[in-house]
N, C-alpha and C. Protein backbone atom coordinates (compact mmCIF):
# COMPACT_ATOMS: atom_id res chain seq x y z
N MET A 1 -3.62 58.22 33.56
CA MET A 1 -4.73 57.28 33.72
C MET A 1 -5.98 57.41 32.99
N ILE A 2 -6.94 56.66 32.26
CA ILE A 2 -7.94 56.67 31.67
C ILE A 2 -9.17 56.08 32.53
N THR A 3 -9.90 57.26 33.28
CA THR A 3 -11.13 56.76 34.14
C THR A 3 -12.35 57.17 33.70
N ASN A 4 -12.58 58.14 32.71
CA ASN A 4 -13.56 58.82 32.41
C ASN A 4 -13.55 59.27 30.96
N TYR A 5 -14.65 60.15 30.49
CA TYR A 5 -14.51 60.84 29.08
C TYR A 5 -13.64 61.88 29.27
N GLY A 6 -13.30 62.58 30.20
CA GLY A 6 -12.60 63.66 30.54
C GLY A 6 -11.04 63.27 30.33
N THR A 7 -10.60 62.16 31.03
CA THR A 7 -9.12 61.88 31.12
C THR A 7 -8.98 61.08 29.60
N LEU A 8 -9.79 60.36 29.21
CA LEU A 8 -9.54 59.81 27.81
C LEU A 8 -9.15 60.83 26.94
N LYS A 9 -9.89 62.23 26.80
CA LYS A 9 -9.67 63.03 25.76
C LYS A 9 -8.32 63.78 26.27
N GLU A 10 -8.11 63.78 27.61
CA GLU A 10 -6.75 64.28 27.94
C GLU A 10 -5.52 63.68 27.43
N GLU A 11 -5.67 62.22 27.51
CA GLU A 11 -4.55 61.29 27.13
C GLU A 11 -4.64 61.36 25.71
N ILE A 12 -5.58 61.58 25.03
CA ILE A 12 -5.46 61.72 23.54
C ILE A 12 -4.87 63.01 23.10
N ARG A 13 -5.11 63.94 23.90
CA ARG A 13 -4.39 65.29 23.58
C ARG A 13 -2.90 65.00 23.58
N LYS A 14 -2.24 64.53 24.70
CA LYS A 14 -1.05 64.26 25.05
C LYS A 14 -0.51 63.47 23.86
N TYR A 15 -0.97 62.39 23.26
CA TYR A 15 -0.73 61.80 22.32
C TYR A 15 -0.56 62.18 20.88
N LEU A 16 -1.31 63.39 20.89
CA LEU A 16 -1.30 64.14 19.58
C LEU A 16 -0.26 65.20 19.94
N TYR A 17 0.62 65.12 20.82
CA TYR A 17 1.54 66.45 20.92
C TYR A 17 0.86 67.70 21.34
N ASN A 18 -0.10 67.68 22.03
CA ASN A 18 -0.95 68.83 22.62
C ASN A 18 -1.33 69.74 21.17
N ARG A 19 -1.43 69.24 20.02
CA ARG A 19 -1.73 70.06 18.90
C ARG A 19 -3.13 70.89 19.08
N LYS A 20 -3.03 72.11 19.21
CA LYS A 20 -4.05 73.10 19.62
C LYS A 20 -5.03 72.90 18.41
N ASP A 21 -4.86 72.79 17.10
CA ASP A 21 -5.64 72.85 16.15
C ASP A 21 -6.46 71.54 15.88
N LEU A 22 -6.00 70.53 16.65
CA LEU A 22 -6.84 69.37 16.63
C LEU A 22 -7.73 69.27 17.96
N GLU A 23 -7.52 70.06 18.73
CA GLU A 23 -7.96 69.90 20.38
C GLU A 23 -9.69 69.80 20.28
N THR A 24 -9.97 70.76 19.43
CA THR A 24 -11.67 70.76 19.29
C THR A 24 -12.10 69.40 18.35
N ASN A 25 -11.35 68.72 17.85
CA ASN A 25 -11.67 67.65 17.02
C ASN A 25 -11.65 66.42 17.85
N ILE A 26 -11.16 66.37 19.03
CA ILE A 26 -11.03 65.06 19.74
C ILE A 26 -12.13 64.33 19.98
N PRO A 27 -13.49 64.94 20.31
CA PRO A 27 -14.65 64.42 20.54
C PRO A 27 -15.20 63.44 19.10
N SER A 28 -14.97 64.16 18.14
CA SER A 28 -15.37 63.74 16.80
C SER A 28 -14.35 62.39 16.50
N PHE A 29 -12.89 62.49 16.71
CA PHE A 29 -12.29 61.31 16.60
C PHE A 29 -12.87 60.11 17.44
N ILE A 30 -12.97 60.56 18.76
CA ILE A 30 -13.49 59.26 19.78
C ILE A 30 -14.69 58.86 19.02
N SER A 31 -15.76 59.36 18.65
CA SER A 31 -17.23 59.07 18.11
C SER A 31 -16.95 58.32 16.81
N LEU A 32 -15.95 58.77 15.99
CA LEU A 32 -15.71 58.06 14.76
C LEU A 32 -15.18 56.56 15.01
N ALA A 33 -14.24 56.43 16.23
CA ALA A 33 -13.73 55.27 16.59
C ALA A 33 -14.50 54.28 17.34
N GLU A 34 -15.31 54.68 18.02
CA GLU A 34 -16.39 54.23 18.61
C GLU A 34 -17.44 53.23 17.32
N ARG A 35 -17.61 54.26 16.29
CA ARG A 35 -18.56 53.66 15.37
C ARG A 35 -17.98 52.45 14.79
N LYS A 36 -16.56 52.36 14.52
CA LYS A 36 -15.95 51.30 14.09
C LYS A 36 -15.76 50.23 14.76
N ILE A 37 -15.42 50.35 16.17
CA ILE A 37 -15.29 49.34 17.36
C ILE A 37 -16.39 48.46 17.36
N PHE A 38 -17.58 49.27 17.73
CA PHE A 38 -19.24 48.57 17.70
C PHE A 38 -19.86 48.06 16.34
N ARG A 39 -19.27 48.26 15.17
CA ARG A 39 -19.71 47.66 14.00
C ARG A 39 -19.05 46.22 13.90
N MET A 40 -17.77 45.90 14.86
CA MET A 40 -17.15 44.93 14.63
C MET A 40 -16.84 43.98 15.83
N LEU A 41 -16.89 44.75 17.04
CA LEU A 41 -16.83 43.77 18.25
C LEU A 41 -17.74 43.26 19.02
N ARG A 42 -17.70 42.15 19.48
CA ARG A 42 -18.86 41.51 20.04
C ARG A 42 -18.10 40.64 21.34
N ILE A 43 -18.23 41.26 22.39
CA ILE A 43 -17.98 40.62 23.73
C ILE A 43 -18.95 40.73 24.64
N PRO A 44 -18.66 40.16 25.91
CA PRO A 44 -19.91 39.93 26.82
C PRO A 44 -20.12 41.35 27.66
N ALA A 45 -19.27 42.56 27.60
CA ALA A 45 -19.34 43.84 28.14
C ALA A 45 -20.82 44.50 27.26
N MET A 46 -20.84 44.14 26.03
CA MET A 46 -21.75 44.39 24.97
C MET A 46 -23.05 43.68 25.03
N GLU A 47 -22.98 42.98 25.93
CA GLU A 47 -24.41 41.98 25.82
C GLU A 47 -25.53 42.64 26.98
N ASN A 48 -26.81 42.53 26.63
CA ASN A 48 -27.79 43.08 27.36
C ASN A 48 -29.12 42.33 27.30
N VAL A 49 -29.90 42.06 28.30
CA VAL A 49 -31.25 41.40 28.19
C VAL A 49 -32.31 42.65 28.70
N LEU A 50 -33.30 42.53 27.38
CA LEU A 50 -34.41 43.44 27.72
C LEU A 50 -35.66 42.85 27.81
N LEU A 51 -36.40 43.06 28.66
CA LEU A 51 -37.56 42.31 29.04
C LEU A 51 -38.97 42.99 28.89
N TYR A 52 -39.77 42.54 27.81
CA TYR A 52 -40.94 43.40 27.37
C TYR A 52 -41.97 42.63 28.22
N GLU A 53 -42.45 43.53 29.32
CA GLU A 53 -43.55 42.90 30.24
C GLU A 53 -44.83 42.78 29.66
N PRO A 54 -45.79 41.92 29.87
CA PRO A 54 -47.25 41.91 29.36
C PRO A 54 -47.84 43.17 29.24
N LEU A 55 -48.73 43.50 28.22
CA LEU A 55 -49.17 44.86 27.83
C LEU A 55 -50.30 44.61 28.93
N PRO A 56 -50.94 45.90 29.19
CA PRO A 56 -52.18 46.04 30.17
C PRO A 56 -53.15 45.58 29.31
N GLY A 57 -54.41 45.12 29.93
CA GLY A 57 -55.56 45.18 29.33
C GLY A 57 -55.66 43.90 28.51
N GLY A 58 -54.83 42.88 28.45
CA GLY A 58 -54.91 41.61 28.09
C GLY A 58 -54.52 41.68 26.55
N VAL A 59 -53.85 42.90 26.06
CA VAL A 59 -53.47 42.86 24.75
C VAL A 59 -52.12 42.49 24.43
N ALA A 60 -52.19 41.46 23.23
CA ALA A 60 -50.99 40.59 22.90
C ALA A 60 -50.10 41.58 21.97
N TYR A 61 -48.73 41.17 22.20
CA TYR A 61 -47.97 42.06 21.20
C TYR A 61 -48.09 41.28 19.68
N ALA A 62 -47.99 42.21 18.85
CA ALA A 62 -47.60 41.48 17.43
C ALA A 62 -46.51 41.81 17.05
N GLN A 63 -45.60 42.90 17.62
CA GLN A 63 -44.38 43.10 17.23
C GLN A 63 -43.50 43.87 18.47
N LEU A 64 -42.45 43.70 18.49
CA LEU A 64 -41.95 44.43 19.82
C LEU A 64 -40.59 45.41 19.00
N GLU A 65 -40.59 46.58 19.62
CA GLU A 65 -39.59 47.91 19.21
C GLU A 65 -38.39 47.73 20.00
N LEU A 66 -37.58 47.70 19.03
CA LEU A 66 -35.89 47.36 19.38
C LEU A 66 -35.49 48.76 20.31
N PRO A 67 -34.73 48.40 21.16
CA PRO A 67 -34.03 49.52 21.98
C PRO A 67 -33.14 50.45 21.28
N GLY A 68 -32.82 51.45 21.45
CA GLY A 68 -32.00 52.55 20.50
C GLY A 68 -30.72 52.02 20.44
N ASP A 69 -29.98 51.22 21.50
CA ASP A 69 -28.83 50.84 21.56
C ASP A 69 -28.46 49.63 21.02
N PHE A 70 -29.61 48.96 20.12
CA PHE A 70 -29.53 47.65 19.62
C PHE A 70 -28.45 47.71 18.28
N LEU A 71 -27.72 46.64 18.75
CA LEU A 71 -26.78 46.43 17.22
C LEU A 71 -27.23 44.88 16.39
N GLU A 72 -27.49 43.88 17.32
CA GLU A 72 -27.62 42.50 16.92
C GLU A 72 -28.49 41.67 17.86
N ALA A 73 -29.24 41.00 17.54
CA ALA A 73 -30.05 40.15 18.50
C ALA A 73 -28.97 38.74 18.60
N LYS A 74 -28.91 38.41 19.95
CA LYS A 74 -28.53 36.88 20.36
C LYS A 74 -29.71 35.91 20.41
N PHE A 75 -30.64 36.42 21.06
CA PHE A 75 -31.81 35.27 21.23
C PHE A 75 -33.03 35.98 21.58
N LEU A 76 -34.15 35.38 21.35
CA LEU A 76 -35.47 35.85 21.75
C LEU A 76 -36.39 34.87 22.04
N LEU A 77 -36.77 34.90 23.73
CA LEU A 77 -37.63 34.05 24.23
C LEU A 77 -39.11 34.69 24.52
N TRP A 78 -40.06 33.56 24.13
CA TRP A 78 -41.47 34.00 24.95
C TRP A 78 -41.79 33.06 25.92
N GLY A 79 -41.83 33.83 27.27
CA GLY A 79 -41.63 32.77 28.51
C GLY A 79 -40.27 32.38 28.56
N ASP A 80 -40.31 30.89 28.44
CA ASP A 80 -39.03 30.22 28.48
C ASP A 80 -39.00 29.64 27.35
N LYS A 81 -39.86 29.74 26.22
CA LYS A 81 -39.38 29.32 24.86
C LYS A 81 -38.53 29.86 23.89
N PRO A 82 -37.64 29.40 23.45
CA PRO A 82 -36.62 30.18 22.44
C PRO A 82 -37.54 30.17 21.23
N LEU A 83 -37.41 31.40 20.53
CA LEU A 83 -37.93 31.48 19.34
C LEU A 83 -36.82 31.48 18.19
N ARG A 84 -37.37 30.73 16.93
CA ARG A 84 -36.35 30.97 15.94
C ARG A 84 -36.50 32.18 15.04
N ARG A 85 -35.17 32.39 14.48
CA ARG A 85 -35.19 33.56 13.64
C ARG A 85 -35.32 33.33 12.13
N ILE A 86 -36.41 33.86 11.51
CA ILE A 86 -36.30 33.75 10.13
C ILE A 86 -36.08 34.75 9.17
N SER A 87 -35.97 35.11 7.99
CA SER A 87 -35.70 36.24 7.26
C SER A 87 -37.10 36.99 7.04
N ASP A 88 -36.52 38.46 6.92
CA ASP A 88 -37.75 39.41 6.67
C ASP A 88 -38.50 38.90 5.38
N ILE A 89 -38.15 38.36 4.38
CA ILE A 89 -38.76 37.90 3.44
C ILE A 89 -40.11 36.66 3.51
N GLU A 90 -39.49 35.83 4.38
CA GLU A 90 -40.34 34.82 4.84
C GLU A 90 -41.32 35.23 5.67
N MET A 91 -41.02 36.29 6.61
CA MET A 91 -41.77 36.88 7.39
C MET A 91 -43.02 37.32 6.81
N GLN A 92 -42.65 38.08 5.80
CA GLN A 92 -43.73 39.07 5.15
C GLN A 92 -44.87 38.03 4.59
N ARG A 93 -43.91 36.89 3.73
CA ARG A 93 -44.87 36.05 3.18
C ARG A 93 -45.68 35.28 4.14
N LYS A 94 -45.53 34.95 5.32
CA LYS A 94 -46.26 34.55 6.24
C LYS A 94 -47.52 35.19 6.62
N LEU A 95 -47.06 36.72 6.86
CA LEU A 95 -47.97 37.70 7.19
C LEU A 95 -49.34 37.96 6.19
N ASN A 96 -48.68 37.74 4.86
CA ASN A 96 -49.52 37.95 3.57
C ASN A 96 -50.53 37.00 3.45
N VAL A 97 -49.96 35.70 3.71
CA VAL A 97 -50.86 34.47 3.24
C VAL A 97 -51.73 34.09 4.64
N ARG A 98 -51.05 34.10 5.65
CA ARG A 98 -51.88 33.81 6.79
C ARG A 98 -51.83 34.32 8.03
N PRO A 99 -52.30 35.81 8.25
CA PRO A 99 -52.22 36.41 9.44
C PRO A 99 -53.08 35.41 10.42
N THR A 100 -52.42 35.24 11.55
CA THR A 100 -53.19 34.39 12.59
C THR A 100 -52.57 34.40 14.01
N GLN A 101 -53.20 34.11 14.99
CA GLN A 101 -52.80 33.98 16.34
C GLN A 101 -52.53 32.67 16.56
N GLY A 102 -51.74 32.39 17.74
CA GLY A 102 -51.23 30.90 18.20
C GLY A 102 -50.06 31.11 18.94
N THR A 103 -49.52 29.76 19.00
CA THR A 103 -48.15 29.75 19.85
C THR A 103 -46.98 30.30 18.97
N THR A 104 -46.53 31.48 19.24
CA THR A 104 -45.49 32.14 18.76
C THR A 104 -44.11 31.22 18.73
N HIS A 105 -43.47 30.99 17.49
CA HIS A 105 -42.32 30.22 17.52
C HIS A 105 -41.24 30.81 16.61
N GLU A 106 -41.76 31.92 16.00
CA GLU A 106 -40.73 32.57 14.98
C GLU A 106 -40.49 33.89 14.94
N PHE A 107 -39.60 34.68 14.84
CA PHE A 107 -39.39 36.09 14.69
C PHE A 107 -38.64 36.63 13.75
N ALA A 108 -38.76 37.80 13.07
CA ALA A 108 -38.01 38.29 12.07
C ALA A 108 -37.63 40.03 12.39
N ARG A 109 -36.27 40.42 11.96
CA ARG A 109 -36.16 41.85 12.08
C ARG A 109 -36.39 42.48 10.90
N ILE A 110 -37.32 43.54 11.08
CA ILE A 110 -37.84 44.81 9.97
C ILE A 110 -37.85 45.96 10.66
N GLY A 111 -36.72 46.87 9.93
CA GLY A 111 -36.48 48.20 10.61
C GLY A 111 -36.27 47.98 12.06
N ASN A 112 -36.75 48.87 12.67
CA ASN A 112 -36.46 48.70 14.37
C ASN A 112 -37.41 47.99 14.91
N ARG A 113 -38.07 47.04 14.24
CA ARG A 113 -38.88 46.00 14.97
C ARG A 113 -38.57 44.60 14.75
N LEU A 114 -39.16 43.98 15.94
CA LEU A 114 -39.24 42.33 15.68
C LEU A 114 -40.59 42.11 15.17
N LEU A 115 -40.72 41.39 14.26
CA LEU A 115 -41.99 40.82 13.94
C LEU A 115 -42.47 39.31 14.57
N LEU A 116 -43.60 39.07 15.06
CA LEU A 116 -43.62 37.85 15.65
C LEU A 116 -44.67 36.79 15.01
N TRP A 117 -44.29 35.71 14.71
CA TRP A 117 -45.12 34.76 14.02
C TRP A 117 -45.40 33.62 14.75
N PRO A 118 -46.73 32.68 14.77
CA PRO A 118 -47.88 33.58 14.93
C PRO A 118 -47.91 34.74 15.94
N THR A 119 -48.86 35.79 15.64
CA THR A 119 -49.07 36.87 17.00
C THR A 119 -49.38 35.88 18.31
N PRO A 120 -48.82 36.35 19.38
CA PRO A 120 -49.17 35.25 20.61
C PRO A 120 -50.66 35.32 20.84
N ASP A 121 -50.97 34.12 21.30
CA ASP A 121 -52.41 33.98 21.47
C ASP A 121 -52.54 34.29 23.40
N ASP A 122 -51.27 34.26 23.83
CA ASP A 122 -51.38 34.43 25.23
C ASP A 122 -50.47 35.72 25.72
N ALA A 123 -51.11 36.74 26.13
CA ALA A 123 -50.63 37.84 26.28
C ALA A 123 -49.98 38.02 27.50
N SER A 124 -50.17 37.09 28.40
CA SER A 124 -49.84 37.00 29.80
C SER A 124 -47.97 36.83 29.82
N GLN A 125 -47.56 36.22 28.74
CA GLN A 125 -46.09 36.01 28.85
C GLN A 125 -45.13 37.03 28.39
N THR A 126 -44.22 37.18 29.11
CA THR A 126 -42.95 38.19 28.80
C THR A 126 -42.02 37.75 27.88
N PHE A 127 -41.69 38.49 27.00
CA PHE A 127 -40.51 38.43 25.92
C PHE A 127 -39.52 38.82 26.51
N SER A 128 -38.26 38.31 26.12
CA SER A 128 -36.97 38.37 26.80
C SER A 128 -35.73 38.57 25.57
N LEU A 129 -35.48 39.69 25.22
CA LEU A 129 -34.60 39.60 24.06
C LEU A 129 -33.16 39.92 24.72
N GLY A 130 -32.35 39.23 24.31
CA GLY A 130 -30.82 39.17 24.34
C GLY A 130 -30.27 39.79 22.81
N TYR A 131 -29.66 40.61 23.34
CA TYR A 131 -29.04 41.56 22.32
C TYR A 131 -27.41 41.94 22.46
N TRP A 132 -26.74 42.42 21.52
CA TRP A 132 -25.50 43.08 21.59
C TRP A 132 -25.72 44.70 21.30
N ARG A 133 -25.20 45.30 22.58
CA ARG A 133 -25.54 46.86 22.70
C ARG A 133 -24.33 47.84 22.04
N ASP A 134 -24.97 49.09 21.55
CA ASP A 134 -24.18 49.95 21.11
C ASP A 134 -23.80 50.94 22.10
N TYR A 135 -22.79 51.21 22.38
CA TYR A 135 -22.15 52.36 23.35
C TYR A 135 -21.63 53.64 22.79
N SER A 136 -22.02 53.87 21.36
CA SER A 136 -21.57 54.98 20.99
C SER A 136 -22.58 56.09 21.23
N ASN A 137 -21.65 57.10 21.53
CA ASN A 137 -22.16 58.65 21.70
C ASN A 137 -22.81 58.33 23.28
N THR A 138 -22.19 57.52 24.12
CA THR A 138 -22.86 57.60 25.52
C THR A 138 -22.02 58.38 26.42
N LEU A 139 -20.76 58.90 25.73
CA LEU A 139 -19.84 59.69 26.72
C LEU A 139 -20.05 61.23 26.21
N LYS A 140 -20.61 61.89 27.01
CA LYS A 140 -20.76 63.15 26.73
C LYS A 140 -19.98 64.30 27.86
N ASP A 141 -20.37 64.26 29.02
CA ASP A 141 -19.70 65.12 29.85
C ASP A 141 -18.35 64.52 30.52
N ASP A 142 -17.44 65.13 30.86
CA ASP A 142 -16.04 64.66 31.33
C ASP A 142 -16.09 63.60 32.53
N ALA A 143 -17.23 63.62 33.21
CA ALA A 143 -17.13 62.54 34.27
C ALA A 143 -17.85 61.16 33.75
N ASP A 144 -18.38 61.33 32.41
CA ASP A 144 -19.09 59.97 31.89
C ASP A 144 -18.16 58.54 31.79
N VAL A 145 -18.52 57.77 32.09
CA VAL A 145 -17.84 56.44 31.80
C VAL A 145 -18.81 55.49 31.41
N ASN A 146 -18.38 54.44 30.59
CA ASN A 146 -19.41 53.19 30.25
C ASN A 146 -18.50 52.17 30.53
N ASP A 147 -19.03 50.79 30.45
CA ASP A 147 -18.63 49.86 30.70
C ASP A 147 -17.45 49.13 29.87
N MET A 148 -17.64 49.82 28.67
CA MET A 148 -16.38 49.59 27.54
C MET A 148 -15.29 50.43 27.62
N LEU A 149 -15.52 51.65 28.04
CA LEU A 149 -14.31 52.45 28.54
C LEU A 149 -13.67 51.90 29.53
N ARG A 150 -14.09 51.46 30.62
CA ARG A 150 -13.68 50.91 31.88
C ARG A 150 -12.68 49.70 31.48
N LEU A 151 -13.36 48.85 30.46
CA LEU A 151 -12.56 47.52 30.09
C LEU A 151 -11.70 47.72 29.27
N ALA A 152 -11.87 48.76 28.24
CA ALA A 152 -10.54 48.95 27.06
C ALA A 152 -10.48 50.39 26.91
N PRO A 153 -10.00 51.07 27.70
CA PRO A 153 -9.35 52.41 27.34
C PRO A 153 -8.60 52.50 26.37
N ASP A 154 -7.55 51.38 26.30
CA ASP A 154 -6.57 51.58 25.33
C ASP A 154 -7.24 51.39 23.77
N LEU A 155 -8.23 50.75 23.79
CA LEU A 155 -8.88 50.37 22.40
C LEU A 155 -9.38 51.79 22.14
N TYR A 156 -10.09 52.84 22.83
CA TYR A 156 -10.66 54.02 22.71
C TYR A 156 -9.36 54.90 22.50
N LEU A 157 -8.39 54.92 23.09
CA LEU A 157 -7.40 55.53 23.02
C LEU A 157 -6.69 55.54 21.63
N TYR A 158 -6.25 54.31 21.13
CA TYR A 158 -5.48 54.03 19.80
C TYR A 158 -6.58 54.24 18.89
N GLY A 159 -7.94 53.85 18.77
CA GLY A 159 -8.83 54.12 17.87
C GLY A 159 -9.05 55.48 17.69
N ALA A 160 -9.23 56.55 18.54
CA ALA A 160 -9.20 57.76 18.37
C ALA A 160 -8.04 58.25 17.61
N CYS A 161 -6.91 57.93 18.03
CA CYS A 161 -5.67 58.64 17.54
C CYS A 161 -5.31 58.27 16.11
N LEU A 162 -5.98 56.81 15.61
CA LEU A 162 -6.01 56.61 14.30
C LEU A 162 -6.98 57.46 13.44
N GLU A 163 -8.09 57.81 14.19
CA GLU A 163 -8.84 58.85 13.39
C GLU A 163 -8.39 59.87 13.07
N ALA A 164 -7.44 60.54 14.04
CA ALA A 164 -6.88 61.65 13.94
C ALA A 164 -5.38 61.67 12.88
N SER A 165 -5.31 60.38 12.40
CA SER A 165 -4.04 60.32 11.64
C SER A 165 -4.18 61.03 10.39
N VAL A 166 -5.49 61.23 9.87
CA VAL A 166 -5.60 62.09 8.61
C VAL A 166 -4.89 63.25 8.59
N TYR A 167 -4.69 63.62 10.03
CA TYR A 167 -4.11 65.27 10.10
C TYR A 167 -2.75 65.13 10.32
N LEU A 168 -2.09 63.88 10.30
CA LEU A 168 -0.59 63.44 10.80
C LEU A 168 -0.20 62.79 9.62
N VAL A 169 -0.16 63.34 8.44
CA VAL A 169 0.37 62.51 7.29
C VAL A 169 2.00 62.51 7.44
N GLY A 170 2.30 61.07 7.22
CA GLY A 170 3.90 60.57 7.40
C GLY A 170 4.38 60.55 8.96
N ASP A 171 3.35 60.62 9.71
CA ASP A 171 3.61 60.50 11.15
C ASP A 171 4.18 59.06 11.64
N SER A 172 5.23 58.78 12.13
CA SER A 172 5.83 57.52 12.37
C SER A 172 5.01 56.65 13.32
N ARG A 173 4.35 57.32 13.99
CA ARG A 173 3.34 56.64 15.45
C ARG A 173 2.37 56.24 14.90
N ILE A 174 1.91 56.44 13.52
CA ILE A 174 0.57 55.88 13.06
C ILE A 174 0.44 54.46 13.02
N PRO A 175 1.59 53.69 12.42
CA PRO A 175 1.89 52.27 12.40
C PRO A 175 1.89 51.51 13.91
N VAL A 176 2.68 52.48 14.68
CA VAL A 176 2.41 51.75 15.96
C VAL A 176 1.32 51.77 16.70
N TRP A 177 0.27 52.95 16.60
CA TRP A 177 -1.19 52.83 16.93
C TRP A 177 -1.81 51.95 16.52
N GLN A 178 -1.88 51.75 15.22
CA GLN A 178 -2.43 50.66 14.38
C GLN A 178 -2.17 49.26 15.01
N GLN A 179 -0.88 48.93 15.38
CA GLN A 179 -0.46 47.65 15.76
C GLN A 179 -1.06 47.44 17.32
N LEU A 180 -1.06 48.56 18.02
CA LEU A 180 -1.55 48.52 19.42
C LEU A 180 -3.17 48.37 19.48
N TYR A 181 -3.79 48.87 18.54
CA TYR A 181 -5.24 48.91 18.36
C TYR A 181 -5.49 47.50 17.89
N ASP A 182 -4.68 46.93 16.87
CA ASP A 182 -5.07 45.53 16.66
C ASP A 182 -4.91 44.38 17.65
N GLN A 183 -3.92 44.53 18.35
CA GLN A 183 -3.75 43.87 19.60
C GLN A 183 -4.78 43.79 20.54
N SER A 184 -5.20 45.00 20.67
CA SER A 184 -6.27 45.43 21.98
C SER A 184 -7.48 44.58 21.47
N PHE A 185 -7.70 44.71 20.34
CA PHE A 185 -9.17 44.17 19.77
C PHE A 185 -8.99 42.61 19.67
N ALA A 186 -7.86 42.38 19.35
CA ALA A 186 -7.66 40.73 19.11
C ALA A 186 -7.68 40.14 20.72
N GLN A 187 -7.08 41.00 21.56
CA GLN A 187 -6.96 40.29 23.02
C GLN A 187 -8.45 40.20 23.55
N LEU A 188 -9.40 41.08 23.38
CA LEU A 188 -10.86 41.26 23.83
C LEU A 188 -11.51 40.30 23.05
N THR A 189 -11.18 40.14 21.71
CA THR A 189 -12.21 38.91 21.18
C THR A 189 -11.33 37.45 21.73
N ASP A 190 -10.35 37.37 21.95
CA ASP A 190 -9.83 35.99 22.63
C ASP A 190 -10.45 35.58 23.79
N GLN A 191 -10.56 36.84 24.74
CA GLN A 191 -11.23 36.99 26.16
C GLN A 191 -12.28 36.21 26.11
N TYR A 192 -13.33 36.91 25.19
CA TYR A 192 -14.64 36.61 25.01
C TYR A 192 -14.64 35.10 24.23
N LYS A 193 -13.93 34.64 23.67
CA LYS A 193 -14.18 33.28 23.10
C LYS A 193 -14.00 32.14 24.19
N GLU A 194 -12.99 32.49 25.14
CA GLU A 194 -12.48 31.81 26.18
C GLU A 194 -13.58 31.66 27.25
N ALA A 195 -14.33 33.01 27.50
CA ALA A 195 -15.34 32.87 28.65
C ALA A 195 -16.67 32.44 27.92
N GLU A 196 -16.91 32.28 26.56
CA GLU A 196 -17.91 31.79 26.03
C GLU A 196 -17.75 30.08 25.93
N TYR A 197 -16.81 29.86 25.59
CA TYR A 197 -16.70 28.23 25.46
C TYR A 197 -15.77 27.38 26.78
N ALA A 198 -15.17 28.11 27.40
CA ALA A 198 -14.52 27.48 28.37
C ALA A 198 -15.47 26.38 29.12
N GLY A 199 -15.00 25.15 28.98
CA GLY A 199 -15.50 24.16 29.92
C GLY A 199 -16.92 23.72 29.40
N SER A 200 -17.01 24.01 27.93
CA SER A 200 -18.39 23.30 27.59
C SER A 200 -18.04 22.84 26.21
N ASN A 201 -18.86 22.25 25.37
CA ASN A 201 -18.76 21.83 24.08
C ASN A 201 -19.09 22.67 23.20
N VAL A 202 -18.52 22.78 22.15
CA VAL A 202 -18.92 23.95 21.26
C VAL A 202 -19.59 23.22 19.97
N SER A 203 -20.76 23.58 19.44
CA SER A 203 -21.36 22.96 18.33
C SER A 203 -21.58 23.92 17.40
N VAL A 204 -21.58 23.37 16.17
CA VAL A 204 -21.77 24.40 14.91
C VAL A 204 -23.33 24.36 14.63
N SER A 205 -24.19 25.66 14.49
CA SER A 205 -25.39 25.45 14.29
C SER A 205 -25.65 25.15 12.70
N ALA A 206 -26.91 24.39 12.67
CA ALA A 206 -27.01 23.85 11.23
C ALA A 206 -27.31 25.05 10.16
N ALA A 207 -27.14 24.88 8.99
CA ALA A 207 -27.49 25.89 8.19
C ALA A 207 -28.95 26.22 7.87
N GLY A 208 -29.13 27.39 7.93
CA GLY A 208 -30.85 27.74 7.82
C GLY A 208 -31.38 28.20 9.16
N SER A 209 -30.33 27.90 10.20
CA SER A 209 -31.01 28.37 11.63
C SER A 209 -31.06 29.92 11.83
N GLY A 210 -30.54 30.44 11.18
CA GLY A 210 -30.26 32.13 11.21
C GLY A 210 -29.20 32.38 12.17
N GLY A 211 -28.46 31.33 12.33
CA GLY A 211 -27.33 31.92 13.16
C GLY A 211 -27.31 31.58 14.75
N TYR A 212 -28.75 31.09 15.15
CA TYR A 212 -28.87 30.73 16.22
C TYR A 212 -28.65 29.59 17.33
N GLY A 213 -28.70 28.53 16.07
CA GLY A 213 -28.62 27.18 16.66
C GLY A 213 -29.94 26.81 17.68
N ASP A 214 -29.16 26.29 18.93
CA ASP A 214 -30.18 26.05 20.19
C ASP A 214 -30.10 27.02 20.88
N ASN A 215 -31.39 27.78 20.77
CA ASN A 215 -31.51 29.21 21.76
C ASN A 215 -31.33 28.77 23.16
N SER A 216 -31.72 27.74 23.42
CA SER A 216 -31.92 27.50 24.92
C SER A 216 -30.54 27.54 25.57
N ALA A 217 -29.59 27.49 25.13
CA ALA A 217 -28.34 27.55 25.57
C ALA A 217 -28.12 29.01 26.09
N TYR A 218 -28.47 29.98 25.28
CA TYR A 218 -28.54 31.14 25.81
C TYR A 218 -29.38 31.58 26.99
N TYR A 219 -30.38 30.93 26.97
CA TYR A 219 -31.33 31.12 28.19
C TYR A 219 -30.87 30.55 29.28
N HIS A 220 -30.13 29.45 29.13
CA HIS A 220 -29.43 28.86 30.69
C HIS A 220 -28.27 29.75 30.78
N ARG A 221 -27.62 30.13 30.11
CA ARG A 221 -26.62 31.29 30.27
C ARG A 221 -27.10 32.39 31.22
N TYR A 222 -28.23 32.94 30.57
CA TYR A 222 -28.63 34.21 31.25
C TYR A 222 -29.62 34.12 32.70
N TYR A 223 -30.35 32.68 32.72
CA TYR A 223 -31.31 32.67 33.89
C TYR A 223 -31.09 31.52 34.72
N ARG A 224 -29.85 31.02 34.46
CA ARG A 224 -29.32 29.68 35.36
C ARG A 224 -29.55 30.23 37.00
């Protein structure tokens, strides 16, 4: 039974028929599998909300630094006001032409920062960033466990075995691992869709909205 990083490695070792020559590579197989998983998977276990508390001395934020586990933004609120995402090019144009302060209503990601437009004129408001988080490389010691490993140990297992398949040319188990991996991934995605839309009307955001549509829906989901 997979309950932590140590038992995950042991299970992978068994699936690889205790190949001594591959034993030291198992952490790398897990790490490579994580990279692929978190590039594509988006489920509630990966959601997080980060609060940017007001800065001391009445200084307003001009930009927000993204957390190290950031993958993709879901929403950004200034106080209780949802902000609209714009392109980085549009943001640069605005900043070059009319740098100013006011009621912030737009943001854009550039590098590891979120730039705000206009710069907020009220330094007392809290920013709330909802985002998809990356669990890659959070498992280091044998006793370590994270929410994703608790939820989907099979995805970790089959993903790591597939990364090891380069050393197992012609092994008949590889197509089986691929099928089981795909099934696990699809089931997690389907569960997310059911949880996200069950009992509610589904709407499609208009073109040019940056994929966010009505951000207030996210606000009510997290703060109701």
